[in-house]
Amino acid sequence: MTDLLKTKTGRLRILALLEGISLLILLFVAVPFKYFLHRPDFVSIMGPIHGTLFLLFLFNTLSVGVEQRWKFRETTWKVILACFIPFGTFYIDHKILSRV
């Protein structure tokens, strides 16, 4: 784990994991609480946390893309798209980030 923190790509992989988990919690726990149980307080907590992780993931993706000289049309857009899809960041970590 400490080795991951030493590189930009390692930090991006950690952010991918955290962002992916926060998206799943938001979609499959917080939103159902809000609409089915009429408890919006969990969304008001998870929303900003997920938003912060989302932005950190985007900025770090662009930074790693520049550092690794990824071609935007081949790699960078796939990594960015992954954070919009549930389980996408886990897939992209396995297919792209673990190999960098």
PDB file of N, CA and C in Angstrom:
ATOM      1  N   MET A   1       0.818  -1.197   0.000  1.00  0.00           N
ATOM      2  CA  MET A   1       0.000   0.000   0.000  1.00  0.00           C
ATOM      3  C   MET A   1       0.859   1.257   0.000  1.00  0.00           C
ATOM      4  N   THR A   2       1.943   1.253   0.777  1.00  0.00           N
ATOM      5  CA  THR A   2       2.791   2.438   0.824  1.00  0.00           C
ATOM      6  C   THR A   2       3.491   2.660  -0.512  1.00  0.00           C
ATOM      7  N   ASP A   3       3.739   1.582  -1.265  1.00  0.00           N
ATOM      8  CA  ASP A   3       4.347   1.738  -2.585  1.00  0.00           C
ATOM      9  C   ASP A   3       3.407   2.478  -3.532  1.00  0.00           C
ATOM     10  N   LEU A   4       2.108   2.265  -3.385  1.00  0.00           N
ATOM     11  CA  LEU A   4       1.142   2.949  -4.236  1.00  0.00           C
ATOM     12  C   LEU A   4       1.149   4.455  -4.010  1.00  0.00           C
ATOM     13  N   LEU A   5       1.414   4.879  -2.786  1.00  0.00           N
ATOM     14  CA  LEU A   5       1.399   6.299  -2.471  1.00  0.00           C
ATOM     15  C   LEU A   5       2.601   7.051  -3.034  1.00  0.00           C
ATOM     16  N   LYS A   6       3.621   6.331  -3.473  1.00  0.00           N
ATOM     17  CA  LYS A   6       4.851   6.974  -3.930  1.00  0.00           C
ATOM     18  C   LYS A   6       4.777   7.489  -5.364  1.00  0.00           C
ATOM     19  N   THR A   7       3.826   7.002  -6.155  1.00  0.00           N
ATOM     20  CA  THR A   7       3.739   7.418  -7.552  1.00  0.00           C
ATOM     21  C   THR A   7       2.368   8.015  -7.843  1.00  0.00           C
ATOM     22  N   LYS A   8       2.314   8.825  -8.884  1.00  0.00           N
ATOM     23  CA  LYS A   8       1.032   9.408  -9.301  1.00  0.00           C
ATOM     24  C   LYS A   8       0.057   8.326  -9.737  1.00  0.00           C
ATOM     25  N   THR A   9       0.564   7.330 -10.432  1.00  0.00           N
ATOM     26  CA  THR A   9      -0.299   6.244 -10.883  1.00  0.00           C
ATOM     27  C   THR A   9      -0.838   5.456  -9.691  1.00  0.00           C
ATOM     28  N   GLY A  10      -0.020   5.226  -8.696  1.00  0.00           N
ATOM     29  CA  GLY A  10      -0.460   4.536  -7.487  1.00  0.00           C
ATOM     30  C   GLY A  10      -1.537   5.313  -6.758  1.00  0.00           C
ATOM     31  N   ARG A  11      -1.341   6.626  -6.650  1.00  0.00           N
ATOM     32  CA  ARG A  11      -2.350   7.459  -6.007  1.00  0.00           C
ATOM     33  C   ARG A  11      -3.647   7.463  -6.819  1.00  0.00           C
ATOM     34  N   LEU A  12      -3.528   7.443  -8.136  1.00  0.00           N
ATOM     35  CA  LEU A  12      -4.719   7.383  -8.983  1.00  0.00           C
ATOM     36  C   LEU A  12      -5.461   6.072  -8.768  1.00  0.00           C
ATOM     37  N   ARG A  13      -4.744   4.989  -8.607  1.00  0.00           N
ATOM     38  CA  ARG A  13      -5.378   3.686  -8.357  1.00  0.00           C
ATOM     39  C   ARG A  13      -6.136   3.698  -7.026  1.00  0.00           C
ATOM     40  N   ILE A  14      -5.554   4.318  -6.009  1.00  0.00           N
ATOM     41  CA  ILE A  14      -6.244   4.426  -4.721  1.00  0.00           C
ATOM     42  C   ILE A  14      -7.487   5.293  -4.863  1.00  0.00           C
ATOM     43  N   LEU A  15      -7.354   6.407  -5.571  1.00  0.00           N
ATOM     44  CA  LEU A  15      -8.510   7.275  -5.805  1.00  0.00           C
ATOM     45  C   LEU A  15      -9.590   6.549  -6.603  1.00  0.00           C
ATOM     46  N   ALA A  16      -9.191   5.725  -7.560  1.00  0.00           N
ATOM     47  CA  ALA A  16     -10.167   4.961  -8.340  1.00  0.00           C
ATOM     48  C   ALA A  16     -10.971   4.047  -7.428  1.00  0.00           C
ATOM     49  N   LEU A  17     -10.295   3.393  -6.503  1.00  0.00           N
ATOM     50  CA  LEU A  17     -10.975   2.515  -5.561  1.00  0.00           C
ATOM     51  C   LEU A  17     -11.935   3.307  -4.671  1.00  0.00           C
ATOM     52  N   LEU A  18     -11.451   4.400  -4.099  1.00  0.00           N
ATOM     53  CA  LEU A  18     -12.284   5.206  -3.205  1.00  0.00           C
ATOM     54  C   LEU A  18     -13.453   5.841  -3.944  1.00  0.00           C
ATOM     55  N   GLU A  19     -13.201   6.348  -5.137  1.00  0.00           N
ATOM     56  CA  GLU A  19     -14.272   6.974  -5.920  1.00  0.00           C
ATOM     57  C   GLU A  19     -15.310   5.936  -6.320  1.00  0.00           C
ATOM     58  N   GLY A  20     -14.866   4.762  -6.706  1.00  0.00           N
ATOM     59  CA  GLY A  20     -15.787   3.700  -7.083  1.00  0.00           C
ATOM     60  C   GLY A  20     -16.654   3.257  -5.912  1.00  0.00           C
ATOM     61  N   ILE A  21     -16.050   3.117  -4.747  1.00  0.00           N
ATOM     62  CA  ILE A  21     -16.811   2.733  -3.554  1.00  0.00           C
ATOM     63  C   ILE A  21     -17.813   3.824  -3.187  1.00  0.00           C
ATOM     64  N   SER A  22     -17.385   5.078  -3.249  1.00  0.00           N
ATOM     65  CA  SER A  22     -18.292   6.174  -2.884  1.00  0.00           C
ATOM     66  C   SER A  22     -19.473   6.266  -3.856  1.00  0.00           C
ATOM     67  N   LEU A  23     -19.234   6.008  -5.139  1.00  0.00           N
ATOM     68  CA  LEU A  23     -20.333   6.017  -6.117  1.00  0.00           C
ATOM     69  C   LEU A  23     -21.324   4.898  -5.812  1.00  0.00           C
ATOM     70  N   LEU A  24     -20.823   3.711  -5.495  1.00  0.00           N
ATOM     71  CA  LEU A  24     -21.707   2.591  -5.176  1.00  0.00           C
ATOM     72  C   LEU A  24     -22.522   2.856  -3.911  1.00  0.00           C
ATOM     73  N   ILE A  25     -21.885   3.419  -2.903  1.00  0.00           N
ATOM     74  CA  ILE A  25     -22.612   3.755  -1.672  1.00  0.00           C
ATOM     75  C   ILE A  25     -23.673   4.800  -1.956  1.00  0.00           C
ATOM     76  N   LEU A  26     -23.310   5.799  -2.747  1.00  0.00           N
ATOM     77  CA  LEU A  26     -24.267   6.849  -3.080  1.00  0.00           C
ATOM     78  C   LEU A  26     -25.456   6.285  -3.855  1.00  0.00           C
ATOM     79  N   LEU A  27     -25.197   5.492  -4.873  1.00  0.00           N
ATOM     80  CA  LEU A  27     -26.270   4.977  -5.720  1.00  0.00           C
ATOM     81  C   LEU A  27     -27.116   3.885  -5.065  1.00  0.00           C
ATOM     82  N   PHE A  28     -26.467   2.979  -4.365  1.00  0.00           N
ATOM     83  CA  PHE A  28     -27.183   1.805  -3.880  1.00  0.00           C
ATOM     84  C   PHE A  28     -27.565   1.848  -2.399  1.00  0.00           C
ATOM     85  N   VAL A  29     -27.099   2.850  -1.682  1.00  0.00           N
ATOM     86  CA  VAL A  29     -27.475   2.980  -0.277  1.00  0.00           C
ATOM     87  C   VAL A  29     -28.142   4.334  -0.028  1.00  0.00           C
ATOM     88  N   ALA A  30     -27.417   5.411  -0.311  1.00  0.00           N
ATOM     89  CA  ALA A  30     -27.910   6.743   0.042  1.00  0.00           C
ATOM     90  C   ALA A  30     -29.158   7.147  -0.750  1.00  0.00           C
ATOM     91  N   VAL A  31     -29.161   6.920  -2.044  1.00  0.00           N
ATOM     92  CA  VAL A  31     -30.318   7.316  -2.866  1.00  0.00           C
ATOM     93  C   VAL A  31     -31.567   6.501  -2.501  1.00  0.00           C
ATOM     94  N   PRO A  32     -31.469   5.182  -2.333  1.00  0.00           N
ATOM     95  CA  PRO A  32     -32.668   4.455  -1.869  1.00  0.00           C
ATOM     96  C   PRO A  32     -33.165   4.943  -0.495  1.00  0.00           C
ATOM     97  N   PHE A  33     -32.239   5.266   0.412  1.00  0.00           N
ATOM     98  CA  PHE A  33     -32.653   5.827   1.703  1.00  0.00           C
ATOM     99  C   PHE A  33     -33.450   7.099   1.485  1.00  0.00           C
ATOM    100  N   LYS A  34     -32.986   7.928   0.567  1.00  0.00           N
ATOM    101  CA  LYS A  34     -33.648   9.204   0.332  1.00  0.00           C
ATOM    102  C   LYS A  34     -35.049   9.024  -0.243  1.00  0.00           C
ATOM    103  N   TYR A  35     -35.182   8.188  -1.247  1.00  0.00           N
ATOM    104  CA  TYR A  35     -36.459   8.103  -1.948  1.00  0.00           C
ATOM    105  C   TYR A  35     -37.428   7.067  -1.386  1.00  0.00           C
ATOM    106  N   PHE A  36     -36.936   6.005  -0.795  1.00  0.00           N
ATOM    107  CA  PHE A  36     -37.851   4.987  -0.279  1.00  0.00           C
ATOM    108  C   PHE A  36     -38.141   5.148   1.210  1.00  0.00           C
ATOM    109  N   LEU A  37     -37.164   5.630   1.945  1.00  0.00           N
ATOM    110  CA  LEU A  37     -37.335   5.801   3.389  1.00  0.00           C
ATOM    111  C   LEU A  37     -37.485   7.272   3.784  1.00  0.00           C
ATOM    112  N   HIS A  38     -37.420   8.154   2.784  1.00  0.00           N
ATOM    113  CA  HIS A  38     -37.553   9.605   3.008  1.00  0.00           C
ATOM    114  C   HIS A  38     -36.534  10.110   4.029  1.00  0.00           C
ATOM    115  N   ARG A  39     -35.292   9.622   3.847  1.00  0.00           N
ATOM    116  CA  ARG A  39     -34.185  10.020   4.705  1.00  0.00           C
ATOM    117  C   ARG A  39     -33.064  10.606   3.842  1.00  0.00           C
ATOM    118  N   PRO A  40     -33.128  11.902   3.529  1.00  0.00           N
ATOM    119  CA  PRO A  40     -32.119  12.503   2.647  1.00  0.00           C
ATOM    120  C   PRO A  40     -30.786  12.819   3.324  1.00  0.00           C
ATOM    121  N   ASP A  41     -30.690  12.599   4.630  1.00  0.00           N
ATOM    122  CA  ASP A  41     -29.476  12.986   5.348  1.00  0.00           C
ATOM    123  C   ASP A  41     -28.241  12.216   4.885  1.00  0.00           C
ATOM    124  N   PHE A  42     -28.396  10.963   4.476  1.00  0.00           N
ATOM    125  CA  PHE A  42     -27.245  10.191   4.025  1.00  0.00           C
ATOM    126  C   PHE A  42     -26.725  10.714   2.689  1.00  0.00           C
ATOM    127  N   VAL A  43     -27.627  11.161   1.813  1.00  0.00           N
ATOM    128  CA  VAL A  43     -27.201  11.754   0.535  1.00  0.00           C
ATOM    129  C   VAL A  43     -26.454  13.058   0.793  1.00  0.00           C
ATOM    130  N   SER A  44     -26.920  13.820   1.762  1.00  0.00           N
ATOM    131  CA  SER A  44     -26.246  15.092   2.048  1.00  0.00           C
ATOM    132  C   SER A  44     -24.852  14.884   2.637  1.00  0.00           C
ATOM    133  N   ILE A  45     -24.605  13.708   3.194  1.00  0.00           N
ATOM    134  CA  ILE A  45     -23.268  13.381   3.695  1.00  0.00           C
ATOM    135  C   ILE A  45     -22.403  12.801   2.571  1.00  0.00           C
ATOM    136  N   MET A  46     -22.951  11.797   1.869  1.00  0.00           N
ATOM    137  CA  MET A  46     -22.175  11.098   0.842  1.00  0.00           C
ATOM    138  C   MET A  46     -21.966  11.924  -0.423  1.00  0.00           C
ATOM    139  N   GLY A  47     -22.907  12.798  -0.738  1.00  0.00           N
ATOM    140  CA  GLY A  47     -22.799  13.603  -1.955  1.00  0.00           C
ATOM    141  C   GLY A  47     -21.503  14.405  -2.040  1.00  0.00           C
ATOM    142  N   PRO A  48     -21.210  15.225  -1.036  1.00  0.00           N
ATOM    143  CA  PRO A  48     -19.964  15.994  -1.073  1.00  0.00           C
ATOM    144  C   PRO A  48     -18.695  15.131  -1.021  1.00  0.00           C
ATOM    145  N   ILE A  49     -18.768  14.020  -0.280  1.00  0.00           N
ATOM    146  CA  ILE A  49     -17.609  13.124  -0.221  1.00  0.00           C
ATOM    147  C   ILE A  49     -17.340  12.551  -1.608  1.00  0.00           C
ATOM    148  N   HIS A  50     -18.404  12.045  -2.241  1.00  0.00           N
ATOM    149  CA  HIS A  50     -18.241  11.492  -3.590  1.00  0.00           C
ATOM    150  C   HIS A  50     -17.801  12.582  -4.574  1.00  0.00           C
ATOM    151  N   GLY A  51     -18.379  13.760  -4.471  1.00  0.00           N
ATOM    152  CA  GLY A  51     -18.010  14.854  -5.369  1.00  0.00           C
ATOM    153  C   GLY A  51     -16.534  15.218  -5.266  1.00  0.00           C
ATOM    154  N   THR A  52     -16.027  15.254  -4.058  1.00  0.00           N
ATOM    155  CA  THR A  52     -14.607  15.557  -3.848  1.00  0.00           C
ATOM    156  C   THR A  52     -13.727  14.466  -4.447  1.00  0.00           C
ATOM    157  N   LEU A  53     -14.072  13.206  -4.177  1.00  0.00           N
ATOM    158  CA  LEU A  53     -13.294  12.098  -4.740  1.00  0.00           C
ATOM    159  C   LEU A  53     -13.373  12.076  -6.264  1.00  0.00           C
ATOM    160  N   PHE A  54     -14.538  12.408  -6.806  1.00  0.00           N
ATOM    161  CA  PHE A  54     -14.741  12.473  -8.249  1.00  0.00           C
ATOM    162  C   PHE A  54     -13.801  13.505  -8.880  1.00  0.00           C
ATOM    163  N   LEU A  55     -13.772  14.701  -8.309  1.00  0.00           N
ATOM    164  CA  LEU A  55     -12.898  15.756  -8.842  1.00  0.00           C
ATOM    165  C   LEU A  55     -11.423  15.394  -8.692  1.00  0.00           C
ATOM    166  N   LEU A  56     -11.045  14.841  -7.552  1.00  0.00           N
ATOM    167  CA  LEU A  56      -9.658  14.413  -7.371  1.00  0.00           C
ATOM    168  C   LEU A  56      -9.278  13.353  -8.401  1.00  0.00           C
ATOM    169  N   PHE A  57     -10.202  12.422  -8.658  1.00  0.00           N
ATOM    170  CA  PHE A  57      -9.951  11.376  -9.653  1.00  0.00           C
ATOM    171  C   PHE A  57      -9.764  11.994 -11.042  1.00  0.00           C
ATOM    172  N   LEU A  58     -10.620  12.942 -11.416  1.00  0.00           N
ATOM    173  CA  LEU A  58     -10.493  13.578 -12.734  1.00  0.00           C
ATOM    174  C   LEU A  58      -9.161  14.312 -12.884  1.00  0.00           C
ATOM    175  N   PHE A  59      -8.824  15.134 -11.899  1.00  0.00           N
ATOM    176  CA  PHE A  59      -7.579  15.897 -11.979  1.00  0.00           C
ATOM    177  C   PHE A  59      -6.357  14.983 -12.007  1.00  0.00           C
ATOM    178  N   ASN A  60      -6.390  13.941 -11.195  1.00  0.00           N
ATOM    179  CA  ASN A  60      -5.270  13.006 -11.168  1.00  0.00           C
ATOM    180  C   ASN A  60      -5.182  12.185 -12.449  1.00  0.00           C
ATOM    181  N   THR A  61      -6.320  11.866 -13.034  1.00  0.00           N
ATOM    182  CA  THR A  61      -6.308  11.160 -14.318  1.00  0.00           C
ATOM    183  C   THR A  61      -5.621  12.003 -15.381  1.00  0.00           C
ATOM    184  N   LEU A  62      -5.968  13.278 -15.437  1.00  0.00           N
ATOM    185  CA  LEU A  62      -5.330  14.160 -16.420  1.00  0.00           C
ATOM    186  C   LEU A  62      -3.836  14.299 -16.139  1.00  0.00           C
ATOM    187  N   SER A  63      -3.466  14.391 -14.869  1.00  0.00           N
ATOM    188  CA  SER A  63      -2.061  14.511 -14.503  1.00  0.00           C
ATOM    189  C   SER A  63      -1.275  13.264 -14.895  1.00  0.00           C
ATOM    190  N   VAL A  64      -1.826  12.087 -14.595  1.00  0.00           N
ATOM    191  CA  VAL A  64      -1.154  10.835 -14.957  1.00  0.00           C
ATOM    192  C   VAL A  64      -1.130  10.683 -16.476  1.00  0.00           C
ATOM    193  N   GLY A  65      -2.201  11.084 -17.130  1.00  0.00           N
ATOM    194  CA  GLY A  65      -2.242  11.014 -18.594  1.00  0.00           C
ATOM    195  C   GLY A  65      -1.131  11.819 -19.235  1.00  0.00           C
ATOM    196  N   VAL A  66      -0.870  13.006 -18.702  1.00  0.00           N
ATOM    197  CA  VAL A  66       0.217  13.844 -19.222  1.00  0.00           C
ATOM    198  C   VAL A  66       1.562  13.202 -18.889  1.00  0.00           C
ATOM    199  N   GLU A  67       1.713  12.752 -17.646  1.00  0.00           N
ATOM    200  CA  GLU A  67       2.974  12.143 -17.212  1.00  0.00           C
ATOM    201  C   GLU A  67       3.302  10.883 -18.024  1.00  0.00           C
ATOM    202  N   GLN A  68       2.304  10.046 -18.264  1.00  0.00           N
ATOM    203  CA  GLN A  68       2.505   8.785 -18.985  1.00  0.00           C
ATOM    204  C   GLN A  68       2.408   8.947 -20.506  1.00  0.00           C
ATOM    205  N   ARG A  69       2.094  10.157 -20.929  1.00  0.00           N
ATOM    206  CA  ARG A  69       1.920  10.473 -22.362  1.00  0.00           C
ATOM    207  C   ARG A  69       0.863   9.600 -23.022  1.00  0.00           C
ATOM    208  N   TRP A  70      -0.263   9.462 -22.303  1.00  0.00           N
ATOM    209  CA  TRP A  70      -1.385   8.737 -22.871  1.00  0.00           C
ATOM    210  C   TRP A  70      -1.972   9.541 -24.009  1.00  0.00           C
ATOM    211  N   LYS A  71      -2.387   8.890 -25.049  1.00  0.00           N
ATOM    212  CA  LYS A  71      -3.140   9.554 -26.105  1.00  0.00           C
ATOM    213  C   LYS A  71      -4.579   9.653 -25.616  1.00  0.00           C
ATOM    214  N   PHE A  72      -5.130  10.858 -25.668  1.00  0.00           N
ATOM    215  CA  PHE A  72      -6.464  11.082 -25.112  1.00  0.00           C
ATOM    216  C   PHE A  72      -7.494  10.154 -25.743  1.00  0.00           C
ATOM    217  N   ARG A  73      -7.430  10.018 -27.049  1.00  0.00           N
ATOM    218  CA  ARG A  73      -8.426   9.206 -27.766  1.00  0.00           C
ATOM    219  C   ARG A  73      -8.264   7.706 -27.531  1.00  0.00           C
ATOM    220  N   GLU A  74      -7.129   7.298 -27.018  1.00  0.00           N
ATOM    221  CA  GLU A  74      -6.905   5.864 -26.792  1.00  0.00           C
ATOM    222  C   GLU A  74      -7.073   5.451 -25.333  1.00  0.00           C
ATOM    223  N   THR A  75      -6.653   6.284 -24.407  1.00  0.00           N
ATOM    224  CA  THR A  75      -6.630   5.853 -23.010  1.00  0.00           C
ATOM    225  C   THR A  75      -7.340   6.816 -22.066  1.00  0.00           C
ATOM    226  N   THR A  76      -6.982   8.080 -22.084  1.00  0.00           N
ATOM    227  CA  THR A  76      -7.459   9.029 -21.079  1.00  0.00           C
ATOM    228  C   THR A  76      -8.979   9.090 -21.013  1.00  0.00           C
ATOM    229  N   TRP A  77      -9.645   9.131 -22.146  1.00  0.00           N
ATOM    230  CA  TRP A  77     -11.100   9.240 -22.122  1.00  0.00           C
ATOM    231  C   TRP A  77     -11.740   8.010 -21.492  1.00  0.00           C
ATOM    232  N   LYS A  78     -11.126   6.839 -21.657  1.00  0.00           N
ATOM    233  CA  LYS A  78     -11.662   5.618 -21.052  1.00  0.00           C
ATOM    234  C   LYS A  78     -11.584   5.689 -19.529  1.00  0.00           C
ATOM    235  N   VAL A  79     -10.466   6.188 -19.034  1.00  0.00           N
ATOM    236  CA  VAL A  79     -10.292   6.295 -17.585  1.00  0.00           C
ATOM    237  C   VAL A  79     -11.273   7.320 -17.019  1.00  0.00           C
ATOM    238  N   ILE A  80     -11.459   8.433 -17.721  1.00  0.00           N
ATOM    239  CA  ILE A  80     -12.411   9.450 -17.270  1.00  0.00           C
ATOM    240  C   ILE A  80     -13.841   8.901 -17.318  1.00  0.00           C
ATOM    241  N   LEU A  81     -14.191   8.229 -18.382  1.00  0.00           N
ATOM    242  CA  LEU A  81     -15.536   7.673 -18.511  1.00  0.00           C
ATOM    243  C   LEU A  81     -15.848   6.680 -17.402  1.00  0.00           C
ATOM    244  N   ALA A  82     -14.846   5.966 -16.940  1.00  0.00           N
ATOM    245  CA  ALA A  82     -15.045   4.939 -15.914  1.00  0.00           C
ATOM    246  C   ALA A  82     -15.657   5.496 -14.638  1.00  0.00           C
ATOM    247  N   CYS A  83     -15.358   6.738 -14.298  1.00  0.00           N
ATOM    248  CA  CYS A  83     -15.870   7.270 -13.033  1.00  0.00           C
ATOM    249  C   CYS A  83     -17.343   7.656 -13.117  1.00  0.00           C
ATOM    250  N   PHE A  84     -17.937   7.587 -14.300  1.00  0.00           N
ATOM    251  CA  PHE A  84     -19.365   7.866 -14.452  1.00  0.00           C
ATOM    252  C   PHE A  84     -20.208   6.596 -14.398  1.00  0.00           C
ATOM    253  N   ILE A  85     -19.568   5.444 -14.449  1.00  0.00           N
ATOM    254  CA  ILE A  85     -20.265   4.164 -14.542  1.00  0.00           C
ATOM    255  C   ILE A  85     -20.025   3.365 -13.264  1.00  0.00           C
ATOM    256  N   PRO A  86     -21.097   2.867 -12.630  1.00  0.00           N
ATOM    257  CA  PRO A  86     -20.881   2.028 -11.453  1.00  0.00           C
ATOM    258  C   PRO A  86     -19.972   0.843 -11.794  1.00  0.00           C
ATOM    259  N   PHE A  87     -19.031   0.580 -10.943  1.00  0.00           N
ATOM    260  CA  PHE A  87     -18.009  -0.467 -11.084  1.00  0.00           C
ATOM    261  C   PHE A  87     -16.976  -0.136 -12.173  1.00  0.00           C
ATOM    262  N   GLY A  88     -17.106   1.002 -12.835  1.00  0.00           N
ATOM    263  CA  GLY A  88     -16.193   1.369 -13.920  1.00  0.00           C
ATOM    264  C   GLY A  88     -14.769   1.588 -13.468  1.00  0.00           C
ATOM    265  N   THR A  89     -14.590   2.208 -12.312  1.00  0.00           N
ATOM    266  CA  THR A  89     -13.222   2.472 -11.855  1.00  0.00           C
ATOM    267  C   THR A  89     -12.508   1.181 -11.464  1.00  0.00           C
ATOM    268  N   PHE A  90     -13.263   0.190 -11.001  1.00  0.00           N
ATOM    269  CA  PHE A  90     -12.644  -1.104 -10.667  1.00  0.00           C
ATOM    270  C   PHE A  90     -12.170  -1.797 -11.941  1.00  0.00           C
ATOM    271  N   TYR A  91     -12.996  -1.724 -12.971  1.00  0.00           N
ATOM    272  CA  TYR A  91     -12.645  -2.332 -14.263  1.00  0.00           C
ATOM    273  C   TYR A  91     -11.422  -1.645 -14.869  1.00  0.00           C
ATOM    274  N   ILE A  92     -11.416  -0.320 -14.857  1.00  0.00           N
ATOM    275  CA  ILE A  92     -10.324   0.439 -15.479  1.00  0.00           C
ATOM    276  C   ILE A  92      -9.029   0.242 -14.688  1.00  0.00           C
ATOM    277  N   ASP A  93      -9.136   0.081 -13.373  1.00  0.00           N
ATOM    278  CA  ASP A  93      -7.940  -0.210 -12.582  1.00  0.00           C
ATOM    279  C   ASP A  93      -7.350  -1.547 -13.003  1.00  0.00           C
ATOM    280  N   HIS A  94      -8.199  -2.519 -13.198  1.00  0.00           N
ATOM    281  CA  HIS A  94      -7.735  -3.854 -13.602  1.00  0.00           C
ATOM    282  C   HIS A  94      -7.166  -3.861 -15.020  1.00  0.00           C
ATOM    283  N   LYS A  95      -7.842  -3.189 -15.944  1.00  0.00           N
ATOM    284  CA  LYS A  95      -7.457  -3.253 -17.366  1.00  0.00           C
ATOM    285  C   LYS A  95      -6.340  -2.289 -17.758  1.00  0.00           C
ATOM    286  N   ILE A  96      -6.286  -1.116 -17.134  1.00  0.00           N
ATOM    287  CA  ILE A  96      -5.321  -0.082 -17.574  1.00  0.00           C
ATOM    288  C   ILE A  96      -4.340   0.301 -16.478  1.00  0.00           C
ATOM    289  N   LEU A  97      -4.859   0.738 -15.329  1.00  0.00           N
ATOM    290  CA  LEU A  97      -3.988   1.328 -14.316  1.00  0.00           C
ATOM    291  C   LEU A  97      -3.016   0.336 -13.694  1.00  0.00           C
ATOM    292  N   SER A  98      -3.415  -0.894 -13.514  1.00  0.00           N
ATOM    293  CA  SER A  98      -2.500  -1.883 -12.911  1.00  0.00           C
ATOM    294  C   SER A  98      -1.339  -2.225 -13.827  1.00  0.00           C
ATOM    295  N   ARG A  99      -1.455  -1.905 -15.099  1.00  0.00           N
ATOM    296  CA  ARG A  99      -0.415  -2.237 -16.078  1.00  0.00           C
ATOM    297  C   ARG A  99       0.541  -1.085 -16.355  1.00  0.00           C
ATOM    298  N   VAL A 100       0.218   0.081 -15.809  1.00  0.00           N
ATOM    299  CA  VAL A 100       1.066   1.254 -16.062  1.00  0.00           C
ATOM    300  C   VAL A 100       2.267   1.216 -15.152  1.00  0.00           C
TER     301      VAL A 100
END
